[in-house]
Amino acid sequence: MSKRTRTRFANVWDALAETPEEAANLTLRSDLMDEIELIVKAQGWTQAEAAKRCGVSQPRMNDLLRGRIARFSLDALVNIAAALGRKVKVSLEDAA
């Protein structure tokens, strides 16, 4: 009987991504999507209203609010955040 080893990951993206670079990109996109969703919910906007304020279509806003991360680049998410009057800041840390 073979013994299984368990690997622990800092987050789900580290487990799913093929490279550390891809994991970092997915983590940042996920964080931005979460923050944008929090803003939309805090304002009580419908998807249509949020889409209009963000300069995207309602189906695109639906994709964002449903977490369809593959459909958004970092550039697109930064642009959406800017349309909401937010400034995106990035900081670098030592890799764990």
Protein backbone atom coordinates (compact mmCIF):
# COMPACT_ATOMS: atom_id res chain seq x y z
CA MET A 1 0.00 0.00 0.00
CA SER A 2 1.51 3.31 -1.05
CA LYS A 3 1.50 6.33 1.18
CA ARG A 4 0.03 9.51 -0.29
CA THR A 5 1.65 12.83 0.34
CA ARG A 6 -0.34 16.00 0.65
CA THR A 7 0.78 19.27 -0.76
CA ARG A 8 -0.42 22.50 0.80
CA PHE A 9 -0.92 25.59 -1.32
CA ALA A 10 -1.24 29.24 -0.35
CA ASN A 11 -4.41 29.52 -2.45
CA VAL A 12 -6.44 27.64 -5.02
CA TRP A 13 -4.65 29.32 -7.93
CA ASP A 14 -1.29 27.96 -6.79
CA ALA A 15 -2.81 24.49 -6.91
CA LEU A 16 -4.46 24.89 -10.32
CA ALA A 17 -1.93 26.92 -12.28
CA GLU A 18 0.83 25.29 -14.24
CA THR A 19 3.43 27.94 -13.34
CA PRO A 20 4.00 30.39 -10.49
CA GLU A 21 3.56 33.23 -12.99
CA GLU A 22 0.15 31.98 -14.04
CA ALA A 23 -0.85 31.55 -10.39
CA ALA A 24 0.19 35.14 -9.62
CA ASN A 25 -1.83 36.45 -12.56
CA LEU A 26 -4.91 34.44 -11.59
CA THR A 27 -4.62 35.54 -7.96
CA LEU A 28 -4.45 39.21 -8.91
CA ARG A 29 -7.36 38.92 -11.34
CA SER A 30 -9.42 37.09 -8.74
CA ASP A 31 -8.68 39.74 -6.11
CA LEU A 32 -9.72 42.53 -8.48
CA MET A 33 -12.91 40.73 -9.44
CA ASP A 34 -13.78 40.25 -5.78
CA GLU A 35 -13.21 43.93 -5.02
CA ILE A 36 -15.33 45.05 -7.98
CA GLU A 37 -18.11 42.69 -6.91
CA LEU A 38 -18.02 44.14 -3.39
CA ILE A 39 -18.41 47.66 -4.79
CA VAL A 40 -21.35 46.65 -6.99
CA LYS A 41 -23.10 44.89 -4.11
CA ALA A 42 -22.42 47.71 -1.64
CA GLN A 43 -23.99 50.19 -4.05
CA GLY A 44 -26.99 47.93 -4.61
CA TRP A 45 -26.68 48.22 -8.38
CA THR A 46 -28.37 45.88 -10.80
CA GLN A 47 -26.12 44.19 -13.32
CA ALA A 48 -27.36 46.58 -15.99
CA GLU A 49 -26.60 49.64 -13.86
CA ALA A 50 -23.19 48.30 -12.83
CA ALA A 51 -22.37 47.52 -16.46
CA LYS A 52 -23.27 51.03 -17.55
CA ARG A 53 -21.12 52.58 -14.81
CA CYS A 54 -18.22 50.28 -15.69
CA GLY A 55 -18.45 50.82 -19.44
CA VAL A 56 -19.14 47.17 -20.25
CA SER A 57 -22.16 45.21 -21.46
CA GLN A 58 -24.58 43.58 -19.04
CA PRO A 59 -23.54 40.06 -20.14
CA ARG A 60 -19.90 41.02 -19.46
CA MET A 61 -20.85 42.27 -15.99
CA ASN A 62 -22.67 38.98 -15.43
CA ASP A 63 -19.45 37.13 -16.31
CA LEU A 64 -17.53 39.23 -13.80
CA LEU A 65 -20.06 38.77 -11.00
CA ARG A 66 -20.17 35.02 -11.62
CA GLY A 67 -16.39 34.78 -11.33
CA ARG A 68 -15.61 33.78 -14.89
CA ILE A 69 -11.98 34.71 -14.49
CA ALA A 70 -10.80 33.37 -17.85
CA ARG A 71 -12.84 36.05 -19.61
CA PHE A 72 -10.97 38.98 -18.02
CA SER A 73 -7.45 40.26 -18.43
CA LEU A 74 -5.72 42.37 -15.81
CA ASP A 75 -6.02 45.34 -18.18
CA ALA A 76 -9.78 44.93 -18.48
CA LEU A 77 -10.21 44.68 -14.70
CA VAL A 78 -8.03 47.74 -14.07
CA ASN A 79 -10.13 49.66 -16.60
CA ILE A 80 -13.35 48.60 -14.85
CA ALA A 81 -11.95 49.63 -11.47
CA ALA A 82 -10.95 53.01 -12.92
CA ALA A 83 -14.46 53.47 -14.34
CA LEU A 84 -15.71 52.98 -10.77
CA GLY A 85 -13.40 55.74 -9.57
CA ARG A 86 -10.90 53.38 -7.98
CA LYS A 87 -7.14 53.32 -8.32
CA VAL A 88 -5.44 49.93 -8.44
CA LYS A 89 -2.18 49.60 -6.52
CA VAL A 90 0.18 46.69 -6.81
CA SER A 91 2.82 45.76 -4.30
CA LEU A 92 5.55 43.18 -4.50
CA GLU A 93 6.40 40.74 -1.74
CA ASP A 94 8.95 37.97 -1.43
CA ALA A 95 7.56 34.70 -2.74
CA ALA A 96 6.79 32.24 0.01
